[in-house]
Amino acid sequence: TNVLSSWYAPELHRIDNKWYIYAAPDYGNNLHVMTVLVCDGDSPIGEYKNLGMMRGLENQWTIDGTVLKHSNEWYFIWTRCQEMYIARMADPCSITGEITVLTKPEYPFETRVGMINEGPAVLYRGDKIHVAYSANDSQCDEYCLGLLTFQVGNDILDIRNWNKCQH
């Protein structure tokens, strides 16, 4: 059987020569909690071991986990309720230190229905890091994309160093 068939929004990432899947199974009562699986093989098609809940986010409603690499450090981005967060990763299975609100619904394009920022996707281009994300309720016609841009060389956990496209 497919271990991820009942897990929400799985993402596959290669970190330190291992494959990791970040996904949010329902632990009951619609409590989705970020969980980590690992495969030691060279191919992502292999046997995965469930490492449990992401340390630092245990028993917290979390979905849409993804990773970002900046200045040889890894960061984890996720959605909780209506907002997206970022924190430094101590290792591929845990976050550490300051947790920063990366984005919350505030502009008209992202507050039409549902007021949700979710589904981050990291894009690298030159000296900039972009995070595309979804805004509004996914079940409505107003569901759209937003874009955050970070200028490399600054503190990635300082929200003032991120620019949100306002339209």
N, C-alpha and C. Protein backbone atom coordinates (compact mmCIF):
# COMPACT_ATOMS: atom_id res chain seq x y z
N THR A 1 0.84 -1.19 0.00
CA THR A 1 0.00 0.00 0.00
C THR A 1 0.87 1.24 0.00
N ASN A 2 0.28 2.33 -0.42
CA ASN A 2 0.99 3.60 -0.47
C ASN A 2 0.92 4.28 0.89
N VAL A 3 2.06 4.37 1.58
CA VAL A 3 2.11 4.95 2.91
C VAL A 3 1.64 6.40 2.93
N LEU A 4 1.78 7.11 1.80
CA LEU A 4 1.41 8.52 1.77
C LEU A 4 0.01 8.77 1.24
N SER A 5 -0.76 7.73 1.00
CA SER A 5 -2.08 7.93 0.40
C SER A 5 -3.02 8.75 1.29
N SER A 6 -2.83 8.71 2.60
CA SER A 6 -3.70 9.49 3.48
C SER A 6 -2.96 10.65 4.13
N TRP A 7 -1.82 11.01 3.58
CA TRP A 7 -1.03 12.11 4.11
C TRP A 7 -1.23 13.34 3.24
N TYR A 8 -1.23 14.50 3.87
CA TYR A 8 -1.51 15.74 3.17
C TYR A 8 -0.23 16.38 2.65
N ALA A 9 -0.24 16.75 1.39
CA ALA A 9 0.79 17.56 0.73
C ALA A 9 2.22 17.06 0.92
N PRO A 10 2.52 15.83 0.51
CA PRO A 10 3.90 15.36 0.65
C PRO A 10 4.86 16.09 -0.29
N GLU A 11 6.07 16.37 0.21
CA GLU A 11 7.13 16.99 -0.59
C GLU A 11 8.40 16.18 -0.44
N LEU A 12 9.11 16.00 -1.54
CA LEU A 12 10.34 15.22 -1.58
C LEU A 12 11.53 16.15 -1.73
N HIS A 13 12.55 15.96 -0.88
CA HIS A 13 13.76 16.80 -0.92
C HIS A 13 15.00 15.95 -0.69
N ARG A 14 16.09 16.33 -1.33
CA ARG A 14 17.39 15.67 -1.15
C ARG A 14 18.24 16.56 -0.25
N ILE A 15 18.60 16.03 0.92
CA ILE A 15 19.42 16.76 1.89
C ILE A 15 20.53 15.83 2.37
N ASP A 16 21.77 16.26 2.28
CA ASP A 16 22.91 15.47 2.75
C ASP A 16 22.88 14.03 2.25
N ASN A 17 22.65 13.87 0.95
CA ASN A 17 22.68 12.57 0.28
C ASN A 17 21.61 11.58 0.75
N LYS A 18 20.54 12.09 1.31
CA LYS A 18 19.39 11.26 1.68
C LYS A 18 18.14 11.92 1.14
N TRP A 19 17.13 11.11 0.87
CA TRP A 19 15.84 11.61 0.42
C TRP A 19 14.91 11.74 1.62
N TYR A 20 14.26 12.90 1.72
CA TYR A 20 13.32 13.15 2.81
C TYR A 20 11.95 13.49 2.23
N ILE A 21 10.93 12.99 2.87
CA ILE A 21 9.56 13.38 2.53
C ILE A 21 8.99 14.09 3.76
N TYR A 22 8.47 15.27 3.51
CA TYR A 22 7.77 16.05 4.54
C TYR A 22 6.30 16.01 4.17
N ALA A 23 5.46 15.55 5.08
CA ALA A 23 4.03 15.44 4.82
C ALA A 23 3.29 15.55 6.14
N ALA A 24 1.99 15.76 6.05
CA ALA A 24 1.19 15.99 7.26
C ALA A 24 0.01 15.03 7.33
N PRO A 25 0.22 13.86 7.95
CA PRO A 25 -0.90 12.94 8.13
C PRO A 25 -1.89 13.50 9.15
N ASP A 26 -3.09 12.99 9.12
CA ASP A 26 -4.11 13.38 10.09
C ASP A 26 -3.93 12.49 11.32
N TYR A 27 -3.56 13.10 12.43
CA TYR A 27 -3.36 12.35 13.68
C TYR A 27 -4.66 12.22 14.46
N GLY A 28 -5.78 12.55 13.85
CA GLY A 28 -7.10 12.46 14.49
C GLY A 28 -7.66 13.84 14.73
N ASN A 29 -8.97 13.95 14.61
CA ASN A 29 -9.67 15.23 14.81
C ASN A 29 -9.14 16.31 13.88
N ASN A 30 -8.72 15.93 12.66
CA ASN A 30 -8.21 16.85 11.65
C ASN A 30 -6.95 17.58 12.12
N LEU A 31 -6.17 16.94 12.98
CA LEU A 31 -4.89 17.51 13.42
C LEU A 31 -3.80 16.99 12.49
N HIS A 32 -3.43 17.81 11.51
CA HIS A 32 -2.33 17.48 10.61
C HIS A 32 -1.04 17.98 11.25
N VAL A 33 -0.05 17.09 11.37
CA VAL A 33 1.21 17.44 12.00
C VAL A 33 2.35 17.05 11.07
N MET A 34 3.29 17.97 10.84
CA MET A 34 4.40 17.71 9.94
C MET A 34 5.20 16.51 10.42
N THR A 35 5.37 15.56 9.51
CA THR A 35 6.05 14.30 9.79
C THR A 35 7.13 14.09 8.74
N VAL A 36 8.23 13.43 9.13
CA VAL A 36 9.39 13.28 8.27
C VAL A 36 9.64 11.79 8.01
N LEU A 37 9.87 11.46 6.73
CA LEU A 37 10.29 10.12 6.33
C LEU A 37 11.64 10.24 5.64
N VAL A 38 12.47 9.21 5.72
CA VAL A 38 13.80 9.25 5.10
C VAL A 38 14.07 7.97 4.33
N CYS A 39 14.81 8.11 3.22
CA CYS A 39 15.28 7.00 2.40
C CYS A 39 16.78 7.20 2.22
N ASP A 40 17.57 6.20 2.59
CA ASP A 40 19.03 6.32 2.51
C ASP A 40 19.60 6.05 1.13
N GLY A 41 18.79 5.53 0.21
CA GLY A 41 19.30 5.14 -1.10
C GLY A 41 19.58 6.31 -2.02
N ASP A 42 20.24 6.00 -3.12
CA ASP A 42 20.53 7.02 -4.14
C ASP A 42 19.28 7.42 -4.91
N SER A 43 18.33 6.51 -5.00
CA SER A 43 17.09 6.76 -5.73
C SER A 43 15.98 7.14 -4.76
N PRO A 44 15.13 8.07 -5.15
CA PRO A 44 14.00 8.42 -4.28
C PRO A 44 12.94 7.31 -4.24
N ILE A 45 13.07 6.35 -5.14
CA ILE A 45 12.14 5.22 -5.15
C ILE A 45 12.78 4.11 -4.35
N GLY A 46 12.48 4.09 -3.08
CA GLY A 46 13.08 3.12 -2.18
C GLY A 46 12.23 2.98 -0.94
N GLU A 47 12.77 2.32 0.02
CA GLU A 47 12.05 2.13 1.27
C GLU A 47 12.30 3.33 2.20
N TYR A 48 11.23 3.86 2.73
CA TYR A 48 11.31 5.01 3.63
C TYR A 48 11.03 4.59 5.06
N LYS A 49 11.73 5.24 5.97
CA LYS A 49 11.53 5.02 7.40
C LYS A 49 10.84 6.25 7.96
N ASN A 50 9.78 6.06 8.73
CA ASN A 50 9.06 7.16 9.36
C ASN A 50 9.85 7.61 10.58
N LEU A 51 10.33 8.84 10.57
CA LEU A 51 11.10 9.39 11.67
C LEU A 51 10.23 10.12 12.69
N GLY A 52 8.94 10.19 12.43
CA GLY A 52 8.01 10.82 13.37
C GLY A 52 7.79 12.30 13.07
N MET A 53 7.16 12.96 14.04
CA MET A 53 6.83 14.38 13.89
C MET A 53 8.10 15.22 13.85
N MET A 54 8.05 16.30 13.05
CA MET A 54 9.15 17.26 12.98
C MET A 54 9.37 17.83 14.39
N ARG A 55 10.59 17.64 14.91
CA ARG A 55 10.89 18.15 16.25
C ARG A 55 10.85 19.68 16.25
N GLY A 56 10.18 20.21 17.23
CA GLY A 56 9.97 21.65 17.33
C GLY A 56 8.57 22.03 16.87
N LEU A 57 7.90 21.12 16.17
CA LEU A 57 6.52 21.36 15.71
C LEU A 57 5.57 20.26 16.18
N GLU A 58 6.00 19.46 17.14
CA GLU A 58 5.18 18.35 17.61
C GLU A 58 3.81 18.82 18.05
N ASN A 59 2.80 18.06 17.65
CA ASN A 59 1.40 18.27 18.05
C ASN A 59 0.85 19.65 17.69
N GLN A 60 1.47 20.31 16.73
CA GLN A 60 0.96 21.59 16.22
C GLN A 60 0.39 21.36 14.83
N TRP A 61 -0.74 21.96 14.53
CA TRP A 61 -1.35 21.82 13.21
C TRP A 61 -0.41 22.47 12.20
N THR A 62 0.15 21.65 11.31
CA THR A 62 1.10 22.13 10.31
C THR A 62 0.91 21.37 9.01
N ILE A 63 0.97 22.08 7.90
CA ILE A 63 0.89 21.47 6.58
C ILE A 63 1.91 22.16 5.66
N ASP A 64 2.04 21.63 4.45
CA ASP A 64 2.81 22.28 3.37
C ASP A 64 4.27 22.55 3.72
N GLY A 65 4.94 21.59 4.31
CA GLY A 65 6.34 21.77 4.66
C GLY A 65 7.26 21.72 3.45
N THR A 66 8.21 22.63 3.41
CA THR A 66 9.22 22.64 2.36
C THR A 66 10.53 23.16 2.95
N VAL A 67 11.61 23.01 2.19
CA VAL A 67 12.92 23.44 2.69
C VAL A 67 13.52 24.51 1.79
N LEU A 68 14.41 25.29 2.37
CA LEU A 68 15.11 26.37 1.66
C LEU A 68 16.56 26.33 2.14
N LYS A 69 17.50 26.44 1.22
CA LYS A 69 18.91 26.49 1.59
C LYS A 69 19.45 27.89 1.30
N HIS A 70 20.10 28.47 2.32
CA HIS A 70 20.68 29.81 2.20
C HIS A 70 21.95 29.86 3.03
N SER A 71 23.05 30.30 2.44
CA SER A 71 24.34 30.43 3.13
C SER A 71 24.73 29.13 3.84
N ASN A 72 24.58 28.02 3.13
CA ASN A 72 24.93 26.69 3.64
C ASN A 72 24.14 26.27 4.88
N GLU A 73 23.01 26.91 5.11
CA GLU A 73 22.11 26.52 6.20
C GLU A 73 20.76 26.16 5.61
N TRP A 74 20.08 25.21 6.26
CA TRP A 74 18.76 24.80 5.82
C TRP A 74 17.70 25.46 6.70
N TYR A 75 16.60 25.83 6.04
CA TYR A 75 15.46 26.44 6.71
C TYR A 75 14.21 25.67 6.33
N PHE A 76 13.25 25.64 7.25
CA PHE A 76 12.00 24.94 7.00
C PHE A 76 10.88 25.98 6.92
N ILE A 77 10.03 25.85 5.93
CA ILE A 77 8.87 26.73 5.75
C ILE A 77 7.63 25.86 5.81
N TRP A 78 6.60 26.32 6.51
CA TRP A 78 5.37 25.56 6.64
C TRP A 78 4.18 26.49 6.84
N THR A 79 3.00 25.91 6.73
CA THR A 79 1.75 26.64 6.94
C THR A 79 1.13 26.19 8.25
N ARG A 80 0.67 27.16 9.01
CA ARG A 80 -0.12 26.88 10.22
C ARG A 80 -1.28 27.87 10.21
N CYS A 81 -2.46 27.33 10.25
CA CYS A 81 -3.69 28.12 10.16
C CYS A 81 -3.66 28.95 8.88
N GLN A 82 -3.56 30.26 8.97
CA GLN A 82 -3.62 31.11 7.78
C GLN A 82 -2.27 31.64 7.35
N GLU A 83 -1.25 31.41 8.14
CA GLU A 83 0.05 32.04 7.92
C GLU A 83 1.12 31.02 7.56
N MET A 84 2.21 31.51 6.96
CA MET A 84 3.37 30.67 6.67
C MET A 84 4.52 31.12 7.56
N TYR A 85 5.30 30.14 8.02
CA TYR A 85 6.38 30.38 8.96
C TYR A 85 7.69 29.87 8.39
N ILE A 86 8.81 30.38 8.93
CA ILE A 86 10.14 29.91 8.58
C ILE A 86 10.98 29.82 9.85
N ALA A 87 11.82 28.77 9.90
CA ALA A 87 12.75 28.59 11.02
C ALA A 87 13.98 27.85 10.52
N ARG A 88 15.09 28.05 11.19
CA ARG A 88 16.33 27.33 10.88
C ARG A 88 16.12 25.86 11.24
N MET A 89 16.75 24.98 10.45
CA MET A 89 16.69 23.55 10.74
C MET A 89 17.97 23.15 11.47
N ALA A 90 17.82 22.45 12.58
CA ALA A 90 18.97 21.90 13.30
C ALA A 90 19.50 20.70 12.54
N ASP A 91 18.61 19.97 11.90
CA ASP A 91 18.90 18.81 11.07
C ASP A 91 17.65 18.58 10.23
N PRO A 92 17.64 17.62 9.32
CA PRO A 92 16.47 17.45 8.45
C PRO A 92 15.17 17.07 9.16
N CYS A 93 15.26 16.77 10.46
CA CYS A 93 14.08 16.34 11.22
C CYS A 93 13.65 17.30 12.31
N SER A 94 14.32 18.46 12.41
CA SER A 94 13.96 19.37 13.51
C SER A 94 14.29 20.82 13.17
N ILE A 95 13.49 21.70 13.77
CA ILE A 95 13.77 23.13 13.66
C ILE A 95 14.36 23.60 14.99
N THR A 96 15.00 24.75 14.94
CA THR A 96 15.62 25.28 16.14
C THR A 96 15.56 26.80 16.13
N GLY A 97 15.57 27.40 17.29
CA GLY A 97 15.65 28.85 17.39
C GLY A 97 14.36 29.57 17.05
N GLU A 98 14.56 30.78 16.57
CA GLU A 98 13.46 31.70 16.28
C GLU A 98 12.55 31.18 15.17
N ILE A 99 11.25 31.31 15.39
CA ILE A 99 10.25 31.03 14.37
C ILE A 99 9.70 32.37 13.90
N THR A 100 9.75 32.60 12.60
CA THR A 100 9.33 33.88 12.02
C THR A 100 8.09 33.69 11.16
N VAL A 101 7.12 34.59 11.29
CA VAL A 101 5.98 34.62 10.37
C VAL A 101 6.52 35.15 9.05
N LEU A 102 6.51 34.31 8.01
CA LEU A 102 7.03 34.70 6.71
C LEU A 102 6.00 35.52 5.93
N THR A 103 4.76 35.10 5.99
CA THR A 103 3.68 35.85 5.33
C THR A 103 2.34 35.52 5.96
N LYS A 104 1.48 36.51 5.95
CA LYS A 104 0.09 36.34 6.38
C LYS A 104 -0.77 37.11 5.40
N PRO A 105 -2.04 36.72 5.24
CA PRO A 105 -2.91 37.44 4.31
C PRO A 105 -3.09 38.89 4.74
N GLU A 106 -2.78 39.81 3.81
CA GLU A 106 -2.92 41.23 4.14
C GLU A 106 -3.33 42.08 2.95
N TYR A 107 -3.01 41.67 1.74
CA TYR A 107 -3.33 42.46 0.56
C TYR A 107 -4.62 41.96 -0.07
N PRO A 108 -5.31 42.84 -0.83
CA PRO A 108 -6.60 42.45 -1.42
C PRO A 108 -6.56 41.14 -2.22
N PHE A 109 -5.48 40.88 -2.97
CA PHE A 109 -5.45 39.67 -3.78
C PHE A 109 -5.45 38.40 -2.93
N GLU A 110 -5.04 38.49 -1.66
CA GLU A 110 -4.95 37.29 -0.82
C GLU A 110 -5.98 37.25 0.31
N THR A 111 -6.91 38.19 0.30
CA THR A 111 -7.92 38.23 1.38
C THR A 111 -9.35 38.18 0.85
N ARG A 112 -9.53 37.77 -0.39
CA ARG A 112 -10.88 37.75 -0.98
C ARG A 112 -11.77 36.68 -0.36
N VAL A 113 -11.27 35.46 -0.26
CA VAL A 113 -12.05 34.36 0.31
C VAL A 113 -11.11 33.47 1.12
N GLY A 114 -11.39 33.30 2.38
CA GLY A 114 -10.64 32.35 3.18
C GLY A 114 -9.42 32.89 3.89
N MET A 115 -8.82 33.96 3.40
CA MET A 115 -7.65 34.57 4.03
C MET A 115 -6.61 33.53 4.45
N ILE A 116 -6.03 32.87 3.45
CA ILE A 116 -5.04 31.83 3.72
C ILE A 116 -3.82 32.06 2.83
N ASN A 117 -2.63 31.92 3.42
CA ASN A 117 -1.37 31.82 2.67
C ASN A 117 -0.84 30.42 2.93
N GLU A 118 -0.59 29.65 1.85
CA GLU A 118 -0.20 28.25 2.01
C GLU A 118 0.59 27.77 0.80
N GLY A 119 1.07 26.55 0.87
CA GLY A 119 1.70 25.88 -0.27
C GLY A 119 2.96 26.54 -0.78
N PRO A 120 3.96 26.85 0.07
CA PRO A 120 5.17 27.51 -0.41
C PRO A 120 5.98 26.65 -1.38
N ALA A 121 6.59 27.30 -2.36
CA ALA A 121 7.51 26.66 -3.30
C ALA A 121 8.71 27.59 -3.45
N VAL A 122 9.90 27.08 -3.20
CA VAL A 122 11.12 27.89 -3.21
C VAL A 122 11.74 27.88 -4.60
N LEU A 123 12.12 29.08 -5.08
CA LEU A 123 12.75 29.25 -6.38
C LEU A 123 14.01 30.10 -6.20
N TYR A 124 15.10 29.69 -6.82
CA TYR A 124 16.36 30.43 -6.73
C TYR A 124 16.65 31.04 -8.09
N ARG A 125 17.03 32.33 -8.09
CA ARG A 125 17.37 33.01 -9.36
C ARG A 125 18.41 34.08 -9.07
N GLY A 126 19.61 33.87 -9.53
CA GLY A 126 20.68 34.84 -9.30
C GLY A 126 20.93 35.04 -7.83
N ASP A 127 20.90 36.30 -7.40
CA ASP A 127 21.14 36.62 -5.99
C ASP A 127 19.84 36.79 -5.21
N LYS A 128 18.77 36.18 -5.70
CA LYS A 128 17.48 36.27 -5.03
C LYS A 128 16.89 34.89 -4.79
N ILE A 129 16.14 34.79 -3.71
CA ILE A 129 15.36 33.60 -3.41
C ILE A 129 13.90 34.03 -3.43
N HIS A 130 13.10 33.30 -4.17
CA HIS A 130 11.66 33.59 -4.24
C HIS A 130 10.90 32.46 -3.58
N VAL A 131 9.81 32.82 -2.93
CA VAL A 131 8.87 31.83 -2.42
C VAL A 131 7.52 32.15 -3.02
N ALA A 132 7.08 31.28 -3.93
CA ALA A 132 5.73 31.40 -4.48
C ALA A 132 4.80 30.68 -3.51
N TYR A 133 3.60 31.18 -3.36
CA TYR A 133 2.65 30.57 -2.43
C TYR A 133 1.23 30.77 -2.95
N SER A 134 0.32 30.01 -2.41
CA SER A 134 -1.08 30.12 -2.78
C SER A 134 -1.80 31.01 -1.76
N ALA A 135 -2.80 31.74 -2.25
CA ALA A 135 -3.56 32.63 -1.38
C ALA A 135 -5.06 32.41 -1.60
N ASN A 136 -5.82 32.63 -0.56
CA ASN A 136 -7.28 32.43 -0.51
C ASN A 136 -7.61 30.96 -0.34
N ASP A 137 -8.88 30.66 -0.30
CA ASP A 137 -9.38 29.30 -0.12
C ASP A 137 -9.20 28.51 -1.42
N SER A 138 -8.61 27.34 -1.33
CA SER A 138 -8.34 26.53 -2.53
C SER A 138 -9.60 26.06 -3.23
N GLN A 139 -10.73 26.18 -2.61
CA GLN A 139 -11.99 25.70 -3.20
C GLN A 139 -12.80 26.83 -3.83
N CYS A 140 -12.14 27.95 -4.12
CA CYS A 140 -12.87 29.07 -4.72
C CYS A 140 -12.15 29.57 -5.97
N ASP A 141 -12.86 30.34 -6.77
CA ASP A 141 -12.28 30.89 -7.99
C ASP A 141 -11.21 31.96 -7.71
N GLU A 142 -11.17 32.50 -6.51
CA GLU A 142 -10.21 33.55 -6.16
C GLU A 142 -8.85 32.98 -5.72
N TYR A 143 -8.71 31.66 -5.71
CA TYR A 143 -7.43 31.04 -5.35
C TYR A 143 -6.38 31.54 -6.33
N CYS A 144 -5.26 32.04 -5.82
CA CYS A 144 -4.26 32.66 -6.68
C CYS A 144 -2.86 32.47 -6.10
N LEU A 145 -1.87 32.99 -6.78
CA LEU A 145 -0.49 32.89 -6.32
C LEU A 145 0.04 34.23 -5.84
N GLY A 146 0.88 34.18 -4.82
CA GLY A 146 1.60 35.34 -4.34
C GLY A 146 3.09 35.06 -4.47
N LEU A 147 3.90 36.09 -4.31
CA LEU A 147 5.35 35.92 -4.44
C LEU A 147 6.08 36.76 -3.40
N LEU A 148 6.98 36.10 -2.68
CA LEU A 148 7.89 36.75 -1.75
C LEU A 148 9.29 36.71 -2.36
N THR A 149 10.07 37.76 -2.16
CA THR A 149 11.43 37.80 -2.70
C THR A 149 12.39 38.22 -1.59
N PHE A 150 13.48 37.46 -1.49
CA PHE A 150 14.53 37.72 -0.51
C PHE A 150 15.82 38.04 -1.24
N GLN A 151 16.46 39.13 -0.85
CA GLN A 151 17.75 39.51 -1.43
C GLN A 151 18.85 38.84 -0.63
N VAL A 152 19.60 37.93 -1.28
CA VAL A 152 20.67 37.19 -0.62
C VAL A 152 21.67 38.16 -0.01
N GLY A 153 22.18 37.79 1.16
CA GLY A 153 23.17 38.61 1.86
C GLY A 153 22.60 39.22 3.13
N ASN A 154 21.32 39.10 3.31
CA ASN A 154 20.67 39.64 4.50
C ASN A 154 20.24 38.49 5.42
N ASP A 155 19.70 38.85 6.58
CA ASP A 155 19.19 37.87 7.55
C ASP A 155 17.87 37.32 7.03
N ILE A 156 17.83 36.04 6.72
CA ILE A 156 16.65 35.44 6.13
C ILE A 156 15.48 35.34 7.11
N LEU A 157 15.76 35.38 8.41
CA LEU A 157 14.70 35.31 9.41
C LEU A 157 14.12 36.67 9.78
N ASP A 158 14.65 37.73 9.19
CA ASP A 158 14.13 39.08 9.42
C ASP A 158 13.13 39.40 8.31
N ILE A 159 11.87 39.46 8.63
CA ILE A 159 10.80 39.65 7.64
C ILE A 159 10.99 40.95 6.85
N ARG A 160 11.71 41.91 7.41
CA ARG A 160 11.95 43.17 6.69
C ARG A 160 12.83 42.96 5.47
N ASN A 161 13.51 41.82 5.39
CA ASN A 161 14.37 41.52 4.25
C ASN A 161 13.63 40.77 3.14
N TRP A 162 12.34 40.58 3.32
CA TRP A 162 11.51 39.93 2.31
C TRP A 162 10.57 40.97 1.69
N ASN A 163 10.39 40.92 0.40
CA ASN A 163 9.45 41.80 -0.30
C ASN A 163 8.29 40.96 -0.81
N LYS A 164 7.07 41.38 -0.48
CA LYS A 164 5.88 40.69 -0.97
C LYS A 164 5.30 41.48 -2.12
N CYS A 165 5.15 40.81 -3.25
CA CYS A 165 4.49 41.43 -4.40
C CYS A 165 3.05 41.72 -3.99
N GLN A 166 2.57 42.95 -4.22
CA GLN A 166 1.28 43.37 -3.70
C GLN A 166 0.14 43.22 -4.69
N HIS A 167 0.35 42.56 -5.83
CA HIS A 167 -0.74 42.38 -6.79
C HIS A 167 -0.58 41.14 -7.59
